[in-house]
Amino acid sequence: MSHKATTPVPRSAKRPEMLLLEREARKETIERKGRNYRFWLFRRKLYHIVTVYTLIFGLIGAIVFLWTDYILKYDWLSIDTVTLKSNGIFNSEQAFAVMGIGPKDNIFSMDAAELEQRLEKCPAIRRAAVKRQISSNPTLLVDIDARIPVAWIDCPELGVHPGDAKYGVLADKEGVIFPCMEQVHLSYIQGRHMPSVTLRPPSSGQLSYGVGIRELEAPMKLIELLSGTVTEYLPSIVSITTPNDWSFCVRFSNDCQATFSHYGLEHQVEKLSRALRHARQTHRKISAINLIPEHNIPVIFDDSYEDIPLAEPIEE
């Protein structure tokens, strides 16, 4: 079988119509290949993008899985030691209860700033600081400056009564009131003499916890002045009432009732001490005294008081 040899036709020998047809055919071929090439580039770029994002999200998912199901459940990352710096009101267990955590909780899952805010939201706490110490011995450092109660609040109109460890209200020396937390304060107030301060009900109909009350500033200052200074002539405070904005009445353990103004308390305490001393030396008992006037202080003596002479030293 023989093959017929073909000889390419020279370009110069082609007619113009043939050249035009070849040019158009070539142009269509180039355009067709060009579109396919651009599509191939786009597909390859899309594949790379999908691959990269798949790896990223897969890595994030793996980290979250390991964190939640393994790291946060390891016992060696739970709180091992709690270093509590307190003024004796709160212990570690009570601090845990306020923060809403437990000793077995993972230290990595705790936000120190959030725990600090939880403590400071408690009206019985003045200031608090929380820090995490992550090491071979995970430690939670807690610093609590709790309010120290010095008096009971008495507000019968709102159902608040002194001495009620479950539903009562306490006040510190700054005149800030806060609910009595039975588990926290009971061990502190037991065996302590704390006077009661009658508080007039606010116009809002409810007490404001954690903030200073102006009405209590002077009574709390007087309690602080007389704390630790109880003598034969100057007895302890039993209760304080505030009938108006410019004075308050104090009932002492010897049944003496004294009226104080809000200013110059140190001087008024000196006048009271002198008056009680003079009454004792003259074998009398003061029933009521008004310490607001500077001179000619009104004094009411108890007529039913039995004269008990002072003990005198025996000379041998």
Protein backbone atom coordinates (compact mmCIF):
# COMPACT_ATOMS: atom_id res chain seq x y z
CA MET A 1 0.00 0.00 0.00
CA SER A 2 1.40 3.28 -1.05
CA HIS A 3 0.97 6.59 0.68
CA LYS A 4 0.50 9.74 -1.21
CA ALA A 5 2.90 12.41 -0.13
CA THR A 6 1.33 15.81 0.59
CA THR A 7 3.16 19.02 0.24
CA PRO A 8 2.08 22.00 2.35
CA VAL A 9 0.73 24.81 0.32
CA PRO A 10 2.88 27.90 0.58
CA ARG A 11 1.20 30.86 2.20
CA SER A 12 1.80 32.96 -0.85
CA ALA A 13 -0.11 30.45 -2.93
CA LYS A 14 -3.26 30.60 -0.81
CA ARG A 15 -6.10 32.75 -1.80
CA PRO A 16 -7.15 35.65 0.45
CA GLU A 17 -10.41 33.92 1.33
CA MET A 18 -8.55 30.89 2.71
CA LEU A 19 -6.22 33.05 4.76
CA LEU A 20 -9.15 34.85 6.29
CA LEU A 21 -10.83 31.58 7.27
CA GLU A 22 -7.63 30.25 8.90
CA ARG A 23 -7.18 33.45 10.85
CA GLU A 24 -10.68 33.32 12.27
CA ALA A 25 -10.34 29.66 13.17
CA ARG A 26 -7.08 30.30 14.97
CA LYS A 27 -8.60 33.22 16.85
CA GLU A 28 -11.49 31.07 18.08
CA THR A 29 -9.06 28.37 19.21
CA ILE A 30 -6.97 30.88 21.19
CA GLU A 31 -10.03 32.40 22.82
CA ARG A 32 -11.33 28.97 23.73
CA LYS A 33 -8.04 27.91 25.27
CA GLY A 34 -7.78 31.24 27.07
CA ARG A 35 -11.13 30.84 28.80
CA ASN A 36 -10.25 27.33 29.88
CA TYR A 37 -6.93 28.53 31.27
CA ARG A 38 -8.48 31.32 33.29
CA PHE A 39 -11.02 28.89 34.70
CA TRP A 40 -8.20 26.50 35.61
CA LEU A 41 -6.36 29.28 37.45
CA PHE A 42 -9.48 30.23 39.37
CA ARG A 43 -10.15 26.61 40.31
CA ARG A 44 -6.59 26.11 41.55
CA LYS A 45 -6.73 29.30 43.66
CA LEU A 46 -10.10 28.28 45.13
CA TYR A 47 -8.69 24.88 46.00
CA HIS A 48 -5.75 26.48 47.84
CA ILE A 49 -8.05 28.81 49.80
CA VAL A 50 -10.40 26.00 50.83
CA THR A 51 -7.45 23.86 51.87
CA VAL A 52 -5.90 26.62 54.02
CA TYR A 53 -9.19 27.47 55.78
CA THR A 54 -9.93 23.81 56.36
CA LEU A 55 -6.57 23.39 58.08
CA ILE A 56 -7.08 26.54 60.18
CA PHE A 57 -10.56 25.59 61.39
CA GLY A 58 -9.46 22.03 61.96
CA LEU A 59 -6.58 23.23 64.13
CA ILE A 60 -8.88 25.55 66.11
CA GLY A 61 -11.36 22.73 66.62
CA ALA A 62 -8.62 20.43 67.84
CA ILE A 63 -7.36 23.04 70.31
CA VAL A 64 -10.87 23.68 71.67
CA PHE A 65 -11.48 19.95 71.96
CA LEU A 66 -8.23 19.37 73.83
CA TRP A 67 -8.84 22.43 76.06
CA THR A 68 -12.39 21.55 77.09
CA ASP A 69 -12.15 17.76 77.24
CA TYR A 70 -8.64 17.25 78.52
CA ILE A 71 -6.76 20.30 79.84
CA LEU A 72 -9.64 21.77 81.85
CA LYS A 73 -10.37 18.37 83.38
CA TYR A 74 -6.87 17.60 84.58
CA ASP A 75 -6.71 17.37 88.37
CA TRP A 76 -3.22 18.83 88.47
CA LEU A 77 -4.62 22.11 87.10
CA SER A 78 -7.28 22.44 89.81
CA ILE A 79 -6.72 24.88 92.67
CA ASP A 80 -4.19 23.34 95.00
CA THR A 81 -3.65 26.24 97.40
CA VAL A 82 -5.70 29.30 98.35
CA THR A 83 -3.77 32.13 99.94
CA LEU A 84 -6.39 34.26 101.67
CA LYS A 85 -5.50 37.60 103.18
CA SER A 86 -8.41 38.77 105.28
CA ASN A 87 -9.22 40.76 108.41
CA GLY A 88 -10.80 37.71 110.03
CA ILE A 89 -14.37 38.03 108.75
CA PHE A 90 -14.19 35.72 105.70
CA ASN A 91 -12.48 32.35 105.48
CA SER A 92 -11.53 30.45 102.31
CA GLU A 93 -14.76 28.46 102.09
CA GLN A 94 -16.89 31.59 102.43
CA ALA A 95 -14.79 33.43 99.84
CA PHE A 96 -15.30 30.48 97.44
CA ALA A 97 -19.07 30.72 97.98
CA VAL A 98 -19.15 34.43 97.15
CA MET A 99 -16.98 33.95 94.04
CA GLY A 100 -19.09 31.00 92.90
CA ILE A 101 -16.20 28.56 92.48
CA GLY A 102 -14.97 25.40 94.15
CA PRO A 103 -11.58 24.07 95.19
CA LYS A 104 -11.70 21.46 92.40
CA ASP A 105 -12.27 24.01 89.62
CA ASN A 106 -9.57 24.38 86.99
CA ILE A 107 -7.48 27.48 87.49
CA PHE A 108 -7.30 28.11 83.72
CA SER A 109 -11.08 28.43 83.55
CA MET A 110 -11.10 31.29 86.09
CA ASP A 111 -11.08 34.96 85.20
CA ALA A 112 -9.39 36.79 88.09
CA ALA A 113 -11.00 40.11 87.15
CA GLU A 114 -14.48 38.57 87.12
CA LEU A 115 -13.90 36.88 90.50
CA GLU A 116 -12.74 40.22 91.90
CA GLN A 117 -15.91 41.91 90.66
CA ARG A 118 -18.06 39.23 92.27
CA LEU A 119 -16.39 39.83 95.62
CA GLU A 120 -16.71 43.61 95.41
CA LYS A 121 -20.41 43.31 94.55
CA CYS A 122 -20.93 41.82 98.02
CA PRO A 123 -21.99 44.74 100.30
CA ALA A 124 -20.10 43.17 103.22
CA ILE A 125 -16.78 43.58 101.38
CA ARG A 126 -15.07 46.97 101.04
CA ARG A 127 -12.27 45.97 98.67
CA ALA A 128 -11.02 42.75 97.09
CA ALA A 129 -8.19 41.57 94.85
CA VAL A 130 -7.78 38.20 93.13
CA LYS A 131 -4.72 36.85 91.32
CA ARG A 132 -3.86 33.52 89.74
CA GLN A 133 -0.48 31.91 90.25
CA ILE A 134 -0.05 29.14 87.67
CA SER A 135 2.81 26.78 88.42
CA SER A 136 3.36 23.22 89.53
CA ASN A 137 1.25 24.23 92.54
CA PRO A 138 -1.73 26.26 91.16
CA THR A 139 -2.53 28.95 93.70
CA LEU A 140 -5.35 31.45 93.96
CA LEU A 141 -4.33 34.63 95.79
CA VAL A 142 -7.35 36.33 97.38
CA ASP A 143 -7.20 39.57 99.37
CA ILE A 144 -10.46 40.59 101.08
CA ASP A 145 -10.98 43.76 103.08
CA ALA A 146 -14.32 42.99 104.71
CA ARG A 147 -16.46 45.49 106.55
CA ILE A 148 -16.26 44.97 110.31
CA PRO A 149 -19.69 45.26 111.95
CA VAL A 150 -19.94 47.59 114.93
CA ALA A 151 -23.72 47.99 115.27
CA TRP A 152 -27.07 46.46 114.42
CA ILE A 153 -29.59 48.38 112.34
CA ASP A 154 -33.12 48.72 113.72
CA CYS A 155 -35.81 49.68 111.20
CA PRO A 156 -39.15 48.18 112.31
CA GLU A 157 -41.04 49.76 109.42
CA LEU A 158 -39.06 47.60 106.99
CA GLY A 159 -39.03 44.50 109.19
CA VAL A 160 -35.37 44.90 110.18
CA HIS A 161 -34.64 44.08 113.81
CA PRO A 162 -31.36 44.00 115.76
CA GLY A 163 -29.82 40.68 116.70
CA ASP A 164 -31.34 38.79 113.77
CA ALA A 165 -28.38 36.85 112.36
CA LYS A 166 -30.44 35.49 109.47
CA TYR A 167 -32.30 38.55 108.19
CA GLY A 168 -30.70 41.38 110.16
CA VAL A 169 -28.66 44.32 108.90
CA LEU A 170 -25.26 45.44 110.19
CA ALA A 171 -23.30 48.69 109.94
CA ASP A 172 -19.56 49.40 110.01
CA LYS A 173 -17.77 52.40 111.50
CA GLU A 174 -18.13 54.35 108.25
CA GLY A 175 -21.92 54.20 108.37
CA VAL A 176 -22.19 51.65 105.54
CA ILE A 177 -24.94 49.07 106.05
CA PHE A 178 -24.94 45.51 104.71
CA PRO A 179 -27.01 42.36 105.25
CA CYS A 180 -25.90 40.03 107.99
CA MET A 181 -24.50 36.86 106.40
CA GLU A 182 -25.18 34.22 109.02
CA GLN A 183 -22.41 31.87 107.92
CA VAL A 184 -19.90 34.72 107.72
CA HIS A 185 -20.74 37.06 110.60
CA LEU A 186 -22.20 34.76 113.23
CA SER A 187 -18.83 33.64 114.59
CA TYR A 188 -17.72 37.28 114.81
CA ILE A 189 -20.78 38.82 116.47
CA GLN A 190 -21.27 36.02 118.99
CA GLY A 191 -20.14 37.14 122.41
CA ARG A 192 -19.66 40.75 121.28
CA HIS A 193 -21.67 43.66 122.57
CA MET A 194 -22.96 45.62 119.60
CA PRO A 195 -25.45 48.46 120.08
CA SER A 196 -28.44 48.97 117.83
CA VAL A 197 -29.01 52.10 115.76
CA THR A 198 -32.54 52.99 114.74
CA LEU A 199 -32.71 54.10 111.13
CA ARG A 200 -35.63 56.04 109.73
CA PRO A 201 -37.06 54.30 106.65
CA PRO A 202 -35.88 55.91 103.39
CA SER A 203 -38.35 57.45 100.96
CA SER A 204 -37.57 54.69 98.44
CA GLY A 205 -38.96 52.11 100.83
CA GLN A 206 -35.82 49.97 100.86
CA LEU A 207 -32.37 50.15 102.38
CA SER A 208 -29.32 50.89 100.24
CA TYR A 209 -26.58 48.36 100.95
CA GLY A 210 -22.89 48.99 100.40
CA VAL A 211 -23.08 52.80 100.49
CA GLY A 212 -22.55 55.26 103.31
CA ILE A 213 -25.63 56.73 104.99
CA ARG A 214 -25.21 60.29 106.21
CA GLU A 215 -27.66 59.76 109.05
CA LEU A 216 -25.33 57.14 110.56
CA GLU A 217 -22.04 59.06 110.38
CA ALA A 218 -22.27 60.75 113.81
CA PRO A 219 -23.68 57.71 115.70
CA MET A 220 -20.94 55.49 114.27
CA LYS A 221 -18.30 58.03 115.24
CA LEU A 222 -19.65 58.11 118.79
CA ILE A 223 -19.58 54.31 118.98
CA GLU A 224 -15.97 54.39 117.84
CA LEU A 225 -15.09 57.07 120.39
CA LEU A 226 -16.59 55.10 123.26
CA SER A 227 -15.30 51.69 122.19
CA GLY A 228 -12.85 50.44 124.76
CA THR A 229 -13.42 53.42 127.09
CA VAL A 230 -16.14 51.92 129.31
CA THR A 231 -15.42 52.91 132.91
CA GLU A 232 -17.30 53.11 136.19
CA TYR A 233 -18.66 56.50 135.17
CA LEU A 234 -18.98 56.02 131.41
CA PRO A 235 -21.05 52.89 130.61
CA SER A 236 -21.49 51.13 127.28
CA ILE A 237 -24.00 52.08 124.58
CA VAL A 238 -27.15 49.97 124.29
CA SER A 239 -29.08 51.74 121.53
CA ILE A 240 -29.15 54.93 119.45
CA THR A 241 -32.18 56.59 117.94
CA THR A 242 -32.24 59.45 115.41
CA PRO A 243 -35.46 61.44 115.91
CA ASN A 244 -34.36 64.29 113.61
CA ASP A 245 -31.55 65.52 111.37
CA TRP A 246 -29.66 67.55 113.98
CA SER A 247 -29.54 65.28 117.03
CA PHE A 248 -29.64 61.68 118.19
CA CYS A 249 -30.42 60.00 121.50
CA VAL A 250 -28.20 57.41 123.15
CA ARG A 251 -29.31 54.95 125.81
CA PHE A 252 -26.51 53.56 127.98
CA SER A 253 -26.29 50.36 129.97
CA ASN A 254 -27.00 52.30 133.21
CA ASP A 255 -30.38 53.43 131.75
CA CYS A 256 -29.10 56.97 131.24
CA GLN A 257 -30.38 58.62 128.06
CA ALA A 258 -28.20 61.34 126.52
CA THR A 259 -28.99 63.65 123.62
CA PHE A 260 -26.08 64.47 121.30
CA SER A 261 -25.67 66.80 118.36
CA HIS A 262 -23.84 65.66 115.23
CA TYR A 263 -20.89 68.00 115.78
CA GLY A 264 -18.27 68.26 118.53
CA LEU A 265 -18.77 64.73 119.77
CA GLU A 266 -15.46 64.60 121.67
CA HIS A 267 -16.43 67.63 123.74
CA GLN A 268 -19.90 66.23 124.41
CA VAL A 269 -18.41 62.94 125.58
CA GLU A 270 -16.21 64.87 128.03
CA LYS A 271 -19.26 66.73 129.38
CA LEU A 272 -21.14 63.47 129.80
CA SER A 273 -18.23 61.85 131.60
CA ARG A 274 -17.95 64.80 134.03
CA ALA A 275 -21.70 64.81 134.67
CA LEU A 276 -21.83 61.07 135.35
CA ARG A 277 -18.80 61.31 137.61
CA HIS A 278 -20.32 64.16 139.59
CA ALA A 279 -23.63 62.31 139.92
CA ARG A 280 -21.89 59.21 141.17
CA GLN A 281 -19.85 61.16 143.67
CA THR A 282 -23.01 62.87 144.97
CA HIS A 283 -24.83 59.52 145.15
CA ARG A 284 -27.30 60.33 142.42
CA LYS A 285 -28.25 58.77 139.12
CA ILE A 286 -28.83 60.66 135.88
CA SER A 287 -31.95 59.57 134.03
CA ALA A 288 -31.63 61.97 131.06
CA ILE A 289 -29.17 64.61 129.95
CA ASN A 290 -29.03 67.01 127.00
CA LEU A 291 -25.43 67.59 125.92
CA ILE A 292 -26.17 70.01 123.09
CA PRO A 293 -26.16 73.26 125.17
CA GLU A 294 -22.73 74.55 126.05
CA HIS A 295 -23.80 75.86 129.47
CA ASN A 296 -26.60 75.05 131.91
CA ILE A 297 -26.89 71.49 130.66
CA PRO A 298 -30.38 70.09 131.36
CA VAL A 299 -30.16 67.04 133.61
CA ILE A 300 -32.96 64.86 134.96
CA PHE A 301 -32.13 62.67 137.95
CA ASP A 302 -33.79 59.38 138.80
CA ASP A 303 -35.74 59.93 142.00
CA SER A 304 -36.25 56.22 142.53
CA TYR A 305 -32.52 55.61 142.59
CA GLU A 306 -31.30 53.99 145.79
CA ASP A 307 -28.24 55.65 147.21
CA ILE A 308 -25.35 53.21 147.11
CA PRO A 309 -22.24 54.70 148.69
CA LEU A 310 -18.95 54.40 146.91
CA ALA A 311 -16.52 51.82 148.14
CA GLU A 312 -13.74 53.36 150.17
CA PRO A 313 -10.31 51.83 150.73
CA ILE A 314 -9.75 50.29 154.14
CA GLU A 315 -6.83 51.67 156.03
CA GLU A 316 -5.03 49.17 158.20
